Amino acid sequence: MLSVVEFVRDARGVLREGWYGVNYNSKISPTMRDNPSFKSAVESEIILRDFEAPVNLGENYIQRLTSYLQVEPSL
């Protein structure tokens, strides 16, 4: 079950941003990072508790997963 996080300070997990109805053309954008869709507003944004992305979302979509690792020193 996905949960909504209202404040960034409460976020614990992986930010998943999604864009839908994307047509990939390798001549226009040789890598996914160059895809013009990333320059438009995100259509979906959720916090995942782990790196398991939702399944059966459809076709022709792209997603970006962002997370930070905080390492605490051992005693």
PDB file of N, CA and C in Angstrom:
ATOM      1  N   MET A   1       0.826  -1.175   0.000  1.00  0.00           N
ATOM      2  CA  MET A   1       0.000   0.000   0.000  1.00  0.00           C
ATOM      3  C   MET A   1       0.880   1.252   0.000  1.00  0.00           C
ATOM      4  N   LEU A   2       0.581   2.199  -0.865  1.00  0.00           N
ATOM      5  CA  LEU A   2       1.336   3.434  -0.956  1.00  0.00           C
ATOM      6  C   LEU A   2       0.791   4.449   0.034  1.00  0.00           C
ATOM      7  N   SER A   3       1.687   5.231   0.608  1.00  0.00           N
ATOM      8  CA  SER A   3       1.236   6.263   1.531  1.00  0.00           C
ATOM      9  C   SER A   3       1.717   7.624   1.051  1.00  0.00           C
ATOM     10  N   VAL A   4       0.955   8.641   1.348  1.00  0.00           N
ATOM     11  CA  VAL A   4       1.269  10.004   0.922  1.00  0.00           C
ATOM     12  C   VAL A   4       2.057  10.696   2.024  1.00  0.00           C
ATOM     13  N   VAL A   5       3.091  11.427   1.635  1.00  0.00           N
ATOM     14  CA  VAL A   5       3.899  12.186   2.576  1.00  0.00           C
ATOM     15  C   VAL A   5       3.683  13.659   2.280  1.00  0.00           C
ATOM     16  N   GLU A   6       3.214  14.411   3.269  1.00  0.00           N
ATOM     17  CA  GLU A   6       2.916  15.830   3.066  1.00  0.00           C
ATOM     18  C   GLU A   6       4.154  16.711   3.184  1.00  0.00           C
ATOM     19  N   PHE A   7       5.072  16.376   4.060  1.00  0.00           N
ATOM     20  CA  PHE A   7       6.233  17.218   4.307  1.00  0.00           C
ATOM     21  C   PHE A   7       7.509  16.450   4.005  1.00  0.00           C
ATOM     22  N   VAL A   8       8.454  17.112   3.358  1.00  0.00           N
ATOM     23  CA  VAL A   8       9.703  16.461   2.971  1.00  0.00           C
ATOM     24  C   VAL A   8      10.431  15.908   4.194  1.00  0.00           C
ATOM     25  N   ARG A   9      10.362  16.613   5.312  1.00  0.00           N
ATOM     26  CA  ARG A   9      11.063  16.129   6.511  1.00  0.00           C
ATOM     27  C   ARG A   9      10.524  14.783   6.986  1.00  0.00           C
ATOM     28  N   ASP A  10       9.294  14.422   6.580  1.00  0.00           N
ATOM     29  CA  ASP A  10       8.695  13.157   6.971  1.00  0.00           C
ATOM     30  C   ASP A  10       8.962  12.039   5.959  1.00  0.00           C
ATOM     31  N   ALA A  11       9.598  12.375   4.856  1.00  0.00           N
ATOM     32  CA  ALA A  11       9.814  11.392   3.785  1.00  0.00           C
ATOM     33  C   ALA A  11      10.869  10.375   4.196  1.00  0.00           C
ATOM     34  N   ARG A  12      10.532   9.131   3.998  1.00  0.00           N
ATOM     35  CA  ARG A  12      11.464   8.029   4.227  1.00  0.00           C
ATOM     36  C   ARG A  12      11.208   7.021   3.122  1.00  0.00           C
ATOM     37  N   GLY A  13      12.065   7.018   2.118  1.00  0.00           N
ATOM     38  CA  GLY A  13      11.868   6.082   1.021  1.00  0.00           C
ATOM     39  C   GLY A  13      12.426   6.622  -0.273  1.00  0.00           C
ATOM     40  N   VAL A  14      11.795   6.256  -1.355  1.00  0.00           N
ATOM     41  CA  VAL A  14      12.254   6.587  -2.697  1.00  0.00           C
ATOM     42  C   VAL A  14      11.184   7.431  -3.382  1.00  0.00           C
ATOM     43  N   LEU A  15      11.567   8.600  -3.871  1.00  0.00           N
ATOM     44  CA  LEU A  15      10.642   9.444  -4.612  1.00  0.00           C
ATOM     45  C   LEU A  15      10.498   8.885  -6.020  1.00  0.00           C
ATOM     46  N   ARG A  16       9.267   8.607  -6.427  1.00  0.00           N
ATOM     47  CA  ARG A  16       8.999   8.120  -7.780  1.00  0.00           C
ATOM     48  C   ARG A  16       8.198   9.186  -8.511  1.00  0.00           C
ATOM     49  N   GLU A  17       8.785   9.715  -9.594  1.00  0.00           N
ATOM     50  CA  GLU A  17       8.105  10.688 -10.439  1.00  0.00           C
ATOM     51  C   GLU A  17       7.772  10.000 -11.757  1.00  0.00           C
ATOM     52  N   GLY A  18       6.594  10.252 -12.292  1.00  0.00           N
ATOM     53  CA  GLY A  18       6.176   9.578 -13.525  1.00  0.00           C
ATOM     54  C   GLY A  18       5.593  10.529 -14.552  1.00  0.00           C
ATOM     55  N   TRP A  19       5.841  10.205 -15.812  1.00  0.00           N
ATOM     56  CA  TRP A  19       5.270  10.905 -16.961  1.00  0.00           C
ATOM     57  C   TRP A  19       4.655   9.844 -17.867  1.00  0.00           C
ATOM     58  N   TYR A  20       3.485  10.112 -18.405  1.00  0.00           N
ATOM     59  CA  TYR A  20       2.745   9.098 -19.161  1.00  0.00           C
ATOM     60  C   TYR A  20       2.509   9.553 -20.602  1.00  0.00           C
ATOM     61  N   GLY A  21       2.266   8.593 -21.491  1.00  0.00           N
ATOM     62  CA  GLY A  21       2.041   8.896 -22.903  1.00  0.00           C
ATOM     63  C   GLY A  21       3.293   9.407 -23.584  1.00  0.00           C
ATOM     64  N   VAL A  22       4.448   8.898 -23.188  1.00  0.00           N
ATOM     65  CA  VAL A  22       5.734   9.358 -23.717  1.00  0.00           C
ATOM     66  C   VAL A  22       6.127   8.516 -24.926  1.00  0.00           C
ATOM     67  N   ASN A  23       6.444   9.176 -25.995  1.00  0.00           N
ATOM     68  CA  ASN A  23       6.965   8.499 -27.188  1.00  0.00           C
ATOM     69  C   ASN A  23       8.467   8.703 -27.222  1.00  0.00           C
ATOM     70  N   TYR A  24       9.202   7.615 -27.156  1.00  0.00           N
ATOM     71  CA  TYR A  24      10.659   7.689 -27.128  1.00  0.00           C
ATOM     72  C   TYR A  24      11.203   7.656 -28.544  1.00  0.00           C
ATOM     73  N   ASN A  25      11.996   8.651 -28.883  1.00  0.00           N
ATOM     74  CA  ASN A  25      12.636   8.724 -30.194  1.00  0.00           C
ATOM     75  C   ASN A  25      14.129   8.909 -29.957  1.00  0.00           C
ATOM     76  N   SER A  26      14.917   7.867 -30.228  1.00  0.00           N
ATOM     77  CA  SER A  26      16.347   7.914 -29.932  1.00  0.00           C
ATOM     78  C   SER A  26      17.090   8.932 -30.802  1.00  0.00           C
ATOM     79  N   LYS A  27      16.498   9.375 -31.908  1.00  0.00           N
ATOM     80  CA  LYS A  27      17.153  10.393 -32.734  1.00  0.00           C
ATOM     81  C   LYS A  27      17.027  11.773 -32.091  1.00  0.00           C
ATOM     82  N   ILE A  28      15.922  12.020 -31.384  1.00  0.00           N
ATOM     83  CA  ILE A  28      15.714  13.306 -30.711  1.00  0.00           C
ATOM     84  C   ILE A  28      16.431  13.324 -29.366  1.00  0.00           C
ATOM     85  N   SER A  29      16.312  12.245 -28.628  1.00  0.00           N
ATOM     86  CA  SER A  29      16.952  12.167 -27.308  1.00  0.00           C
ATOM     87  C   SER A  29      17.657  10.821 -27.198  1.00  0.00           C
ATOM     88  N   PRO A  30      18.978  10.810 -27.393  1.00  0.00           N
ATOM     89  CA  PRO A  30      19.723   9.539 -27.390  1.00  0.00           C
ATOM     90  C   PRO A  30      19.696   8.803 -26.050  1.00  0.00           C
ATOM     91  N   THR A  31      19.475   9.517 -24.949  1.00  0.00           N
ATOM     92  CA  THR A  31      19.345   8.867 -23.651  1.00  0.00           C
ATOM     93  C   THR A  31      18.031   9.313 -23.022  1.00  0.00           C
ATOM     94  N   MET A  32      17.548   8.565 -22.066  1.00  0.00           N
ATOM     95  CA  MET A  32      16.295   8.931 -21.410  1.00  0.00           C
ATOM     96  C   MET A  32      16.429  10.253 -20.660  1.00  0.00           C
ATOM     97  N   ARG A  33      17.612  10.566 -20.158  1.00  0.00           N
ATOM     98  CA  ARG A  33      17.810  11.845 -19.455  1.00  0.00           C
ATOM     99  C   ARG A  33      17.589  13.029 -20.382  1.00  0.00           C
ATOM    100  N   ASP A  34      17.796  12.832 -21.691  1.00  0.00           N
ATOM    101  CA  ASP A  34      17.600  13.900 -22.669  1.00  0.00           C
ATOM    102  C   ASP A  34      16.157  14.005 -23.139  1.00  0.00           C
ATOM    103  N   ASN A  35      15.301  13.106 -22.692  1.00  0.00           N
ATOM    104  CA  ASN A  35      13.913  13.107 -23.152  1.00  0.00           C
ATOM    105  C   ASN A  35      13.222  14.412 -22.755  1.00  0.00           C
ATOM    106  N   PRO A  36      12.563  15.074 -23.705  1.00  0.00           N
ATOM    107  CA  PRO A  36      11.888  16.339 -23.410  1.00  0.00           C
ATOM    108  C   PRO A  36      10.818  16.227 -22.321  1.00  0.00           C
ATOM    109  N   SER A  37      10.289  15.052 -22.090  1.00  0.00           N
ATOM    110  CA  SER A  37       9.253  14.876 -21.064  1.00  0.00           C
ATOM    111  C   SER A  37       9.757  15.257 -19.679  1.00  0.00           C
ATOM    112  N   PHE A  38      11.047  15.040 -19.412  1.00  0.00           N
ATOM    113  CA  PHE A  38      11.609  15.385 -18.106  1.00  0.00           C
ATOM    114  C   PHE A  38      11.589  16.894 -17.860  1.00  0.00           C
ATOM    115  N   LYS A  39      11.474  17.674 -18.926  1.00  0.00           N
ATOM    116  CA  LYS A  39      11.432  19.132 -18.782  1.00  0.00           C
ATOM    117  C   LYS A  39      10.016  19.634 -18.484  1.00  0.00           C
ATOM    118  N   SER A  40       9.019  18.791 -18.682  1.00  0.00           N
ATOM    119  CA  SER A  40       7.635  19.178 -18.401  1.00  0.00           C
ATOM    120  C   SER A  40       7.290  18.833 -16.948  1.00  0.00           C
ATOM    121  N   ALA A  41       6.158  19.327 -16.502  1.00  0.00           N
ATOM    122  CA  ALA A  41       5.729  19.072 -15.124  1.00  0.00           C
ATOM    123  C   ALA A  41       5.485  17.581 -14.915  1.00  0.00           C
ATOM    124  N   VAL A  42       5.847  17.104 -13.744  1.00  0.00           N
ATOM    125  CA  VAL A  42       5.642  15.699 -13.402  1.00  0.00           C
ATOM    126  C   VAL A  42       4.142  15.424 -13.295  1.00  0.00           C
ATOM    127  N   GLU A  43       3.711  14.252 -13.749  1.00  0.00           N
ATOM    128  CA  GLU A  43       2.295  13.892 -13.732  1.00  0.00           C
ATOM    129  C   GLU A  43       1.922  13.051 -12.520  1.00  0.00           C
ATOM    130  N   SER A  44       2.903  12.394 -11.930  1.00  0.00           N
ATOM    131  CA  SER A  44       2.645  11.532 -10.780  1.00  0.00           C
ATOM    132  C   SER A  44       3.858  11.589  -9.869  1.00  0.00           C
ATOM    133  N   GLU A  45       3.599  11.687  -8.568  1.00  0.00           N
ATOM    134  CA  GLU A  45       4.692  11.761  -7.611  1.00  0.00           C
ATOM    135  C   GLU A  45       4.274  11.042  -6.329  1.00  0.00           C
ATOM    136  N   ILE A  46       5.013   9.992  -5.986  1.00  0.00           N
ATOM    137  CA  ILE A  46       4.716   9.239  -4.767  1.00  0.00           C
ATOM    138  C   ILE A  46       6.022   8.877  -4.070  1.00  0.00           C
ATOM    139  N   ILE A  47       5.929   8.547  -2.804  1.00  0.00           N
ATOM    140  CA  ILE A  47       7.073   8.066  -2.033  1.00  0.00           C
ATOM    141  C   ILE A  47       6.913   6.561  -1.866  1.00  0.00           C
ATOM    142  N   LEU A  48       7.873   5.811  -2.377  1.00  0.00           N
ATOM    143  CA  LEU A  48       7.889   4.358  -2.222  1.00  0.00           C
ATOM    144  C   LEU A  48       8.689   4.014  -0.979  1.00  0.00           C
ATOM    145  N   ARG A  49       8.281   3.004  -0.275  1.00  0.00           N
ATOM    146  CA  ARG A  49       9.003   2.595   0.933  1.00  0.00           C
ATOM    147  C   ARG A  49      10.216   1.731   0.601  1.00  0.00           C
ATOM    148  N   ASP A  50      10.298   1.239  -0.628  1.00  0.00           N
ATOM    149  CA  ASP A  50      11.443   0.451  -1.074  1.00  0.00           C
ATOM    150  C   ASP A  50      11.612   0.694  -2.574  1.00  0.00           C
ATOM    151  N   PHE A  51      12.492  -0.018  -3.204  1.00  0.00           N
ATOM    152  CA  PHE A  51      12.760   0.202  -4.625  1.00  0.00           C
ATOM    153  C   PHE A  51      11.840  -0.593  -5.546  1.00  0.00           C
ATOM    154  N   GLU A  52      10.730  -1.093  -5.050  1.00  0.00           N
ATOM    155  CA  GLU A  52       9.779  -1.813  -5.892  1.00  0.00           C
ATOM    156  C   GLU A  52       8.805  -0.827  -6.510  1.00  0.00           C
ATOM    157  N   ALA A  53       8.947  -0.624  -7.807  1.00  0.00           N
ATOM    158  CA  ALA A  53       8.044   0.285  -8.522  1.00  0.00           C
ATOM    159  C   ALA A  53       6.712  -0.415  -8.762  1.00  0.00           C
ATOM    160  N   PRO A  54       5.626   0.351  -8.837  1.00  0.00           N
ATOM    161  CA  PRO A  54       4.317  -0.248  -9.117  1.00  0.00           C
ATOM    162  C   PRO A  54       4.324  -0.994 -10.446  1.00  0.00           C
ATOM    163  N   VAL A  55       3.506  -2.023 -10.565  1.00  0.00           N
ATOM    164  CA  VAL A  55       3.430  -2.814 -11.793  1.00  0.00           C
ATOM    165  C   VAL A  55       2.141  -2.501 -12.539  1.00  0.00           C
ATOM    166  N   ASN A  56       2.107  -2.882 -13.803  1.00  0.00           N
ATOM    167  CA  ASN A  56       0.929  -2.712 -14.660  1.00  0.00           C
ATOM    168  C   ASN A  56       0.466  -1.258 -14.757  1.00  0.00           C
ATOM    169  N   LEU A  57       1.414  -0.358 -14.938  1.00  0.00           N
ATOM    170  CA  LEU A  57       1.075   1.059 -15.080  1.00  0.00           C
ATOM    171  C   LEU A  57       0.622   1.392 -16.494  1.00  0.00           C
ATOM    172  N   GLY A  58       0.954   0.554 -17.428  1.00  0.00           N
ATOM    173  CA  GLY A  58       0.612   0.827 -18.819  1.00  0.00           C
ATOM    174  C   GLY A  58       1.855   0.829 -19.674  1.00  0.00           C
ATOM    175  N   GLU A  59       1.741   1.461 -20.816  1.00  0.00           N
ATOM    176  CA  GLU A  59       2.852   1.526 -21.752  1.00  0.00           C
ATOM    177  C   GLU A  59       3.206   2.987 -22.010  1.00  0.00           C
ATOM    178  N   ASN A  60       4.373   3.194 -22.562  1.00  0.00           N
ATOM    179  CA  ASN A  60       4.840   4.528 -22.960  1.00  0.00           C
ATOM    180  C   ASN A  60       4.879   5.512 -21.791  1.00  0.00           C
ATOM    181  N   TYR A  61       5.536   5.108 -20.728  1.00  0.00           N
ATOM    182  CA  TYR A  61       5.728   6.018 -19.608  1.00  0.00           C
ATOM    183  C   TYR A  61       7.205   5.992 -19.216  1.00  0.00           C
ATOM    184  N   ILE A  62       7.625   7.038 -18.544  1.00  0.00           N
ATOM    185  CA  ILE A  62       8.973   7.072 -17.981  1.00  0.00           C
ATOM    186  C   ILE A  62       8.850   7.425 -16.508  1.00  0.00           C
ATOM    187  N   GLN A  63       9.832   7.000 -15.748  1.00  0.00           N
ATOM    188  CA  GLN A  63       9.827   7.301 -14.327  1.00  0.00           C
ATOM    189  C   GLN A  63      11.239   7.650 -13.888  1.00  0.00           C
ATOM    190  N   ARG A  64      11.314   8.443 -12.842  1.00  0.00           N
ATOM    191  CA  ARG A  64      12.598   8.796 -12.252  1.00  0.00           C
ATOM    192  C   ARG A  64      12.510   8.468 -10.768  1.00  0.00           C
ATOM    193  N   LEU A  65      13.478   7.689 -10.287  1.00  0.00           N
ATOM    194  CA  LEU A  65      13.535   7.322  -8.875  1.00  0.00           C
ATOM    195  C   LEU A  65      14.675   8.091  -8.225  1.00  0.00           C
ATOM    196  N   THR A  66      14.383   8.733  -7.090  1.00  0.00           N
ATOM    197  CA  THR A  66      15.386   9.527  -6.389  1.00  0.00           C
ATOM    198  C   THR A  66      15.362   9.161  -4.910  1.00  0.00           C
ATOM    199  N   SER A  67      16.538   8.958  -4.363  1.00  0.00           N
ATOM    200  CA  SER A  67      16.632   8.663  -2.939  1.00  0.00           C
ATOM    201  C   SER A  67      17.995   9.130  -2.442  1.00  0.00           C
ATOM    202  N   TYR A  68      18.126   9.223  -1.145  1.00  0.00           N
ATOM    203  CA  TYR A  68      19.385   9.611  -0.524  1.00  0.00           C
ATOM    204  C   TYR A  68      19.754   8.562   0.508  1.00  0.00           C
ATOM    205  N   LEU A  69      21.030   8.334   0.615  1.00  0.00           N
ATOM    206  CA  LEU A  69      21.537   7.365   1.588  1.00  0.00           C
ATOM    207  C   LEU A  69      22.275   8.149   2.660  1.00  0.00           C
ATOM    208  N   GLN A  70      21.849   7.994   3.875  1.00  0.00           N
ATOM    209  CA  GLN A  70      22.538   8.637   5.000  1.00  0.00           C
ATOM    210  C   GLN A  70      23.225   7.555   5.797  1.00  0.00           C
ATOM    211  N   VAL A  71      24.530   7.637   5.831  1.00  0.00           N
ATOM    212  CA  VAL A  71      25.331   6.640   6.534  1.00  0.00           C
ATOM    213  C   VAL A  71      25.727   7.201   7.896  1.00  0.00           C
ATOM    214  N   GLU A  72      25.454   6.434   8.915  1.00  0.00           N
ATOM    215  CA  GLU A  72      25.827   6.849  10.256  1.00  0.00           C
ATOM    216  C   GLU A  72      27.107   6.126  10.650  1.00  0.00           C
ATOM    217  N   PRO A  73      28.026   6.847  11.263  1.00  0.00           N
ATOM    218  CA  PRO A  73      29.297   6.201  11.647  1.00  0.00           C
ATOM    219  C   PRO A  73      29.067   5.140  12.708  1.00  0.00           C
ATOM    220  N   SER A  74      29.839   4.083  12.590  1.00  0.00           N
ATOM    221  CA  SER A  74      29.737   3.016  13.593  1.00  0.00           C
ATOM    222  C   SER A  74      30.516   3.429  14.845  1.00  0.00           C
ATOM    223  N   LEU A  75      30.069   2.923  15.959  1.00  0.00           N
ATOM    224  CA  LEU A  75      30.727   3.280  17.232  1.00  0.00           C
ATOM    225  C   LEU A  75      31.909   2.411  17.516  1.00  0.00           C
TER     226      LEU A  75
END
